[in-house]
Amino acid sequence: MMEEELLRPRDAAKMFGISVKTLWKWQKKGIIKAVKLPTGKLRYPRSEVERLWKSLKATESQ
């Protein structure tokens, strides 16, 4: 199985056009899942970012 790409908070936030603080709030509310690295840093799996992106785009077009 391939290792999934993990995005840094600022890279994930940039994709959504939001601040890292907003991304962190989304994560706290359970809107997006994050992975905690052994170093304690948070990363966002690309699949999770894409899943949320698609659901936001679907909502936007309704």
PDB file of N, CA and C in Angstrom:
ATOM      1  N   MET A   1       0.829  -1.199   0.000  1.00  0.00           N
ATOM      2  CA  MET A   1       0.000   0.000   0.000  1.00  0.00           C
ATOM      3  C   MET A   1       0.865   1.252   0.000  1.00  0.00           C
ATOM      4  N   MET A   2       0.506   2.206  -0.838  1.00  0.00           N
ATOM      5  CA  MET A   2       1.283   3.442  -0.932  1.00  0.00           C
ATOM      6  C   MET A   2       1.027   4.338   0.270  1.00  0.00           C
ATOM      7  N   GLU A   3       2.067   5.050   0.672  1.00  0.00           N
ATOM      8  CA  GLU A   3       1.906   6.032   1.740  1.00  0.00           C
ATOM      9  C   GLU A   3       1.095   7.191   1.194  1.00  0.00           C
ATOM     10  N   GLU A   4       0.098   7.605   1.935  1.00  0.00           N
ATOM     11  CA  GLU A   4      -0.721   8.720   1.497  1.00  0.00           C
ATOM     12  C   GLU A   4       0.014  10.039   1.727  1.00  0.00           C
ATOM     13  N   GLU A   5      -0.157  10.953   0.786  1.00  0.00           N
ATOM     14  CA  GLU A   5       0.442  12.269   0.935  1.00  0.00           C
ATOM     15  C   GLU A   5      -0.259  13.024   2.058  1.00  0.00           C
ATOM     16  N   LEU A   6       0.531  13.592   2.944  1.00  0.00           N
ATOM     17  CA  LEU A   6      -0.005  14.389   4.041  1.00  0.00           C
ATOM     18  C   LEU A   6       0.331  15.852   3.790  1.00  0.00           C
ATOM     19  N   LEU A   7      -0.672  16.698   3.844  1.00  0.00           N
ATOM     20  CA  LEU A   7      -0.471  18.119   3.579  1.00  0.00           C
ATOM     21  C   LEU A   7      -0.251  18.893   4.871  1.00  0.00           C
ATOM     22  N   ARG A   8       0.629  19.888   4.787  1.00  0.00           N
ATOM     23  CA  ARG A   8       0.840  20.771   5.928  1.00  0.00           C
ATOM     24  C   ARG A   8      -0.397  21.651   6.075  1.00  0.00           C
ATOM     25  N   PRO A   9      -0.684  22.103   7.296  1.00  0.00           N
ATOM     26  CA  PRO A   9      -1.860  22.948   7.496  1.00  0.00           C
ATOM     27  C   PRO A   9      -1.930  24.136   6.535  1.00  0.00           C
ATOM     28  N   ARG A  10      -0.812  24.823   6.324  1.00  0.00           N
ATOM     29  CA  ARG A  10      -0.884  26.003   5.448  1.00  0.00           C
ATOM     30  C   ARG A  10      -1.187  25.626   4.005  1.00  0.00           C
ATOM     31  N   ASP A  11      -0.743  24.452   3.576  1.00  0.00           N
ATOM     32  CA  ASP A  11      -1.025  24.005   2.203  1.00  0.00           C
ATOM     33  C   ASP A  11      -2.499  23.604   2.055  1.00  0.00           C
ATOM     34  N   ALA A  12      -3.028  22.912   3.058  1.00  0.00           N
ATOM     35  CA  ALA A  12      -4.436  22.522   3.026  1.00  0.00           C
ATOM     36  C   ALA A  12      -5.323  23.764   3.087  1.00  0.00           C
ATOM     37  N   ALA A  13      -4.991  24.706   3.963  1.00  0.00           N
ATOM     38  CA  ALA A  13      -5.769  25.938   4.108  1.00  0.00           C
ATOM     39  C   ALA A  13      -5.783  26.734   2.801  1.00  0.00           C
ATOM     40  N   LYS A  14      -4.634  26.768   2.138  1.00  0.00           N
ATOM     41  CA  LYS A  14      -4.505  27.498   0.861  1.00  0.00           C
ATOM     42  C   LYS A  14      -5.446  26.917  -0.196  1.00  0.00           C
ATOM     43  N   MET A  15      -5.588  25.598  -0.206  1.00  0.00           N
ATOM     44  CA  MET A  15      -6.469  24.942  -1.176  1.00  0.00           C
ATOM     45  C   MET A  15      -7.923  25.375  -1.006  1.00  0.00           C
ATOM     46  N   PHE A  16      -8.311  25.635   0.263  1.00  0.00           N
ATOM     47  CA  PHE A  16      -9.686  26.051   0.549  1.00  0.00           C
ATOM     48  C   PHE A  16      -9.851  27.571   0.549  1.00  0.00           C
ATOM     49  N   GLY A  17      -8.726  28.281   0.459  1.00  0.00           N
ATOM     50  CA  GLY A  17      -8.789  29.735   0.510  1.00  0.00           C
ATOM     51  C   GLY A  17      -9.180  30.241   1.895  1.00  0.00           C
ATOM     52  N   ILE A  18      -8.736  29.527   2.919  1.00  0.00           N
ATOM     53  CA  ILE A  18      -9.037  29.904   4.304  1.00  0.00           C
ATOM     54  C   ILE A  18      -7.737  30.042   5.082  1.00  0.00           C
ATOM     55  N   SER A  19      -7.839  30.565   6.295  1.00  0.00           N
ATOM     56  CA  SER A  19      -6.656  30.680   7.149  1.00  0.00           C
ATOM     57  C   SER A  19      -6.398  29.349   7.850  1.00  0.00           C
ATOM     58  N   VAL A  20      -5.182  29.192   8.352  1.00  0.00           N
ATOM     59  CA  VAL A  20      -4.824  27.981   9.096  1.00  0.00           C
ATOM     60  C   VAL A  20      -5.695  27.912  10.359  1.00  0.00           C
ATOM     61  N   LYS A  21      -6.007  29.066  10.934  1.00  0.00           N
ATOM     62  CA  LYS A  21      -6.847  29.110  12.133  1.00  0.00           C
ATOM     63  C   LYS A  21      -8.243  28.544  11.841  1.00  0.00           C
ATOM     64  N   THR A  22      -8.799  28.895  10.687  1.00  0.00           N
ATOM     65  CA  THR A  22     -10.115  28.369  10.290  1.00  0.00           C
ATOM     66  C   THR A  22     -10.027  26.858  10.069  1.00  0.00           C
ATOM     67  N   LEU A  23      -8.968  26.409   9.428  1.00  0.00           N
ATOM     68  CA  LEU A  23      -8.760  24.977   9.196  1.00  0.00           C
ATOM     69  C   LEU A  23      -8.725  24.239  10.540  1.00  0.00           C
ATOM     70  N   TRP A  24      -8.037  24.827  11.503  1.00  0.00           N
ATOM     71  CA  TRP A  24      -7.927  24.237  12.829  1.00  0.00           C
ATOM     72  C   TRP A  24      -9.304  24.154  13.484  1.00  0.00           C
ATOM     73  N   LYS A  25     -10.128  25.200  13.308  1.00  0.00           N
ATOM     74  CA  LYS A  25     -11.497  25.199  13.839  1.00  0.00           C
ATOM     75  C   LYS A  25     -12.325  24.100  13.173  1.00  0.00           C
ATOM     76  N   TRP A  26     -12.169  23.950  11.856  1.00  0.00           N
ATOM     77  CA  TRP A  26     -12.877  22.894  11.108  1.00  0.00           C
ATOM     78  C   TRP A  26     -12.510  21.529  11.683  1.00  0.00           C
ATOM     79  N   GLN A  27     -11.223  21.362  11.968  1.00  0.00           N
ATOM     80  CA  GLN A  27     -10.756  20.080  12.488  1.00  0.00           C
ATOM     81  C   GLN A  27     -11.352  19.826  13.869  1.00  0.00           C
ATOM     82  N   LYS A  28     -11.399  20.837  14.711  1.00  0.00           N
ATOM     83  CA  LYS A  28     -11.978  20.725  16.055  1.00  0.00           C
ATOM     84  C   LYS A  28     -13.462  20.352  15.978  1.00  0.00           C
ATOM     85  N   LYS A  29     -14.164  20.883  14.960  1.00  0.00           N
ATOM     86  CA  LYS A  29     -15.598  20.604  14.787  1.00  0.00           C
ATOM     87  C   LYS A  29     -15.845  19.275  14.086  1.00  0.00           C
ATOM     88  N   GLY A  30     -14.780  18.622  13.619  1.00  0.00           N
ATOM     89  CA  GLY A  30     -14.932  17.334  12.949  1.00  0.00           C
ATOM     90  C   GLY A  30     -15.263  17.435  11.466  1.00  0.00           C
ATOM     91  N   ILE A  31     -15.097  18.633  10.897  1.00  0.00           N
ATOM     92  CA  ILE A  31     -15.387  18.832   9.469  1.00  0.00           C
ATOM     93  C   ILE A  31     -14.308  18.171   8.612  1.00  0.00           C
ATOM     94  N   ILE A  32     -13.078  18.223   9.108  1.00  0.00           N
ATOM     95  CA  ILE A  32     -11.952  17.594   8.403  1.00  0.00           C
ATOM     96  C   ILE A  32     -11.113  16.835   9.427  1.00  0.00           C
ATOM     97  N   LYS A  33     -10.587  15.701   9.009  1.00  0.00           N
ATOM     98  CA  LYS A  33      -9.761  14.897   9.909  1.00  0.00           C
ATOM     99  C   LYS A  33      -8.285  15.233   9.690  1.00  0.00           C
ATOM    100  N   ALA A  34      -7.549  15.240  10.788  1.00  0.00           N
ATOM    101  CA  ALA A  34      -6.112  15.474  10.724  1.00  0.00           C
ATOM    102  C   ALA A  34      -5.392  14.269  11.319  1.00  0.00           C
ATOM    103  N   VAL A  35      -4.140  14.120  10.951  1.00  0.00           N
ATOM    104  CA  VAL A  35      -3.289  13.054  11.473  1.00  0.00           C
ATOM    105  C   VAL A  35      -2.208  13.728  12.304  1.00  0.00           C
ATOM    106  N   LYS A  36      -2.002  13.221  13.507  1.00  0.00           N
ATOM    107  CA  LYS A  36      -0.945  13.790  14.348  1.00  0.00           C
ATOM    108  C   LYS A  36       0.325  12.967  14.142  1.00  0.00           C
ATOM    109  N   LEU A  37       1.383  13.632  13.790  1.00  0.00           N
ATOM    110  CA  LEU A  37       2.678  12.974  13.588  1.00  0.00           C
ATOM    111  C   LEU A  37       3.317  12.689  14.950  1.00  0.00           C
ATOM    112  N   PRO A  38       4.288  11.786  14.978  1.00  0.00           N
ATOM    113  CA  PRO A  38       4.976  11.501  16.247  1.00  0.00           C
ATOM    114  C   PRO A  38       5.591  12.765  16.868  1.00  0.00           C
ATOM    115  N   THR A  39       5.888  13.747  16.042  1.00  0.00           N
ATOM    116  CA  THR A  39       6.474  15.006  16.523  1.00  0.00           C
ATOM    117  C   THR A  39       5.415  15.914  17.144  1.00  0.00           C
ATOM    118  N   GLY A  40       4.124  15.526  17.005  1.00  0.00           N
ATOM    119  CA  GLY A  40       3.048  16.346  17.552  1.00  0.00           C
ATOM    120  C   GLY A  40       2.427  17.288  16.538  1.00  0.00           C
ATOM    121  N   LYS A  41       3.040  17.372  15.360  1.00  0.00           N
ATOM    122  CA  LYS A  41       2.514  18.258  14.313  1.00  0.00           C
ATOM    123  C   LYS A  41       1.304  17.624  13.634  1.00  0.00           C
ATOM    124  N   LEU A  42       0.408  18.482  13.153  1.00  0.00           N
ATOM    125  CA  LEU A  42      -0.775  18.003  12.441  1.00  0.00           C
ATOM    126  C   LEU A  42      -0.541  18.017  10.940  1.00  0.00           C
ATOM    127  N   ARG A  43      -1.069  16.996  10.291  1.00  0.00           N
ATOM    128  CA  ARG A  43      -1.036  16.935   8.832  1.00  0.00           C
ATOM    129  C   ARG A  43      -2.414  16.501   8.369  1.00  0.00           C
ATOM    130  N   TYR A  44      -2.755  16.905   7.154  1.00  0.00           N
ATOM    131  CA  TYR A  44      -4.060  16.598   6.587  1.00  0.00           C
ATOM    132  C   TYR A  44      -3.883  15.656   5.404  1.00  0.00           C
ATOM    133  N   PRO A  45      -4.462  14.440   5.483  1.00  0.00           N
ATOM    134  CA  PRO A  45      -4.347  13.493   4.368  1.00  0.00           C
ATOM    135  C   PRO A  45      -4.974  14.087   3.110  1.00  0.00           C
ATOM    136  N   ARG A  46      -4.300  13.919   1.975  1.00  0.00           N
ATOM    137  CA  ARG A  46      -4.814  14.461   0.716  1.00  0.00           C
ATOM    138  C   ARG A  46      -6.229  13.956   0.430  1.00  0.00           C
ATOM    139  N   SER A  47      -6.501  12.685   0.729  1.00  0.00           N
ATOM    140  CA  SER A  47      -7.832  12.117   0.462  1.00  0.00           C
ATOM    141  C   SER A  47      -8.907  12.849   1.269  1.00  0.00           C
ATOM    142  N   GLU A  48      -8.560  13.255   2.474  1.00  0.00           N
ATOM    143  CA  GLU A  48      -9.502  13.964   3.342  1.00  0.00           C
ATOM    144  C   GLU A  48      -9.760  15.375   2.805  1.00  0.00           C
ATOM    145  N   VAL A  49      -8.704  16.026   2.338  1.00  0.00           N
ATOM    146  CA  VAL A  49      -8.829  17.367   1.745  1.00  0.00           C
ATOM    147  C   VAL A  49      -9.697  17.291   0.490  1.00  0.00           C
ATOM    148  N   GLU A  50      -9.447  16.286  -0.358  1.00  0.00           N
ATOM    149  CA  GLU A  50     -10.216  16.134  -1.597  1.00  0.00           C
ATOM    150  C   GLU A  50     -11.678  15.780  -1.316  1.00  0.00           C
ATOM    151  N   ARG A  51     -11.916  14.946  -0.298  1.00  0.00           N
ATOM    152  CA  ARG A  51     -13.281  14.583   0.073  1.00  0.00           C
ATOM    153  C   ARG A  51     -14.068  15.833   0.480  1.00  0.00           C
ATOM    154  N   LEU A  52     -13.472  16.658   1.330  1.00  0.00           N
ATOM    155  CA  LEU A  52     -14.134  17.873   1.793  1.00  0.00           C
ATOM    156  C   LEU A  52     -14.323  18.858   0.645  1.00  0.00           C
ATOM    157  N   TRP A  53     -13.304  18.968  -0.203  1.00  0.00           N
ATOM    158  CA  TRP A  53     -13.367  19.871  -1.358  1.00  0.00           C
ATOM    159  C   TRP A  53     -14.556  19.512  -2.250  1.00  0.00           C
ATOM    160  N   LYS A  54     -14.717  18.226  -2.536  1.00  0.00           N
ATOM    161  CA  LYS A  54     -15.833  17.770  -3.382  1.00  0.00           C
ATOM    162  C   LYS A  54     -17.181  18.051  -2.729  1.00  0.00           C
ATOM    163  N   SER A  55     -17.283  17.811  -1.429  1.00  0.00           N
ATOM    164  CA  SER A  55     -18.570  18.044  -0.749  1.00  0.00           C
ATOM    165  C   SER A  55     -18.877  19.542  -0.684  1.00  0.00           C
ATOM    166  N   LEU A  56     -17.872  20.388  -0.537  1.00  0.00           N
ATOM    167  CA  LEU A  56     -18.100  21.837  -0.537  1.00  0.00           C
ATOM    168  C   LEU A  56     -18.527  22.309  -1.918  1.00  0.00           C
ATOM    169  N   LYS A  57     -17.902  21.779  -2.959  1.00  0.00           N
ATOM    170  CA  LYS A  57     -18.244  22.152  -4.341  1.00  0.00           C
ATOM    171  C   LYS A  57     -19.670  21.719  -4.664  1.00  0.00           C
ATOM    172  N   ALA A  58     -20.067  20.533  -4.183  1.00  0.00           N
ATOM    173  CA  ALA A  58     -21.431  20.030  -4.429  1.00  0.00           C
ATOM    174  C   ALA A  58     -22.453  20.927  -3.733  1.00  0.00           C
ATOM    175  N   THR A  59     -22.158  21.350  -2.536  1.00  0.00           N
ATOM    176  CA  THR A  59     -23.060  22.240  -1.787  1.00  0.00           C
ATOM    177  C   THR A  59     -23.174  23.596  -2.479  1.00  0.00           C
ATOM    178  N   GLU A  60     -22.035  24.068  -2.962  1.00  0.00           N
ATOM    179  CA  GLU A  60     -21.968  25.377  -3.628  1.00  0.00           C
ATOM    180  C   GLU A  60     -22.838  25.425  -4.874  1.00  0.00           C
ATOM    181  N   SER A  61     -22.907  24.332  -5.614  1.00  0.00           N
ATOM    182  CA  SER A  61     -23.627  24.318  -6.894  1.00  0.00           C
ATOM    183  C   SER A  61     -25.141  24.106  -6.748  1.00  0.00           C
ATOM    184  N   GLN A  62     -25.604  23.873  -5.515  1.00  0.00           N
ATOM    185  CA  GLN A  62     -27.050  23.650  -5.301  1.00  0.00           C
ATOM    186  C   GLN A  62     -27.782  24.971  -5.155  1.00  0.00           C
TER     187      GLN A  62
END
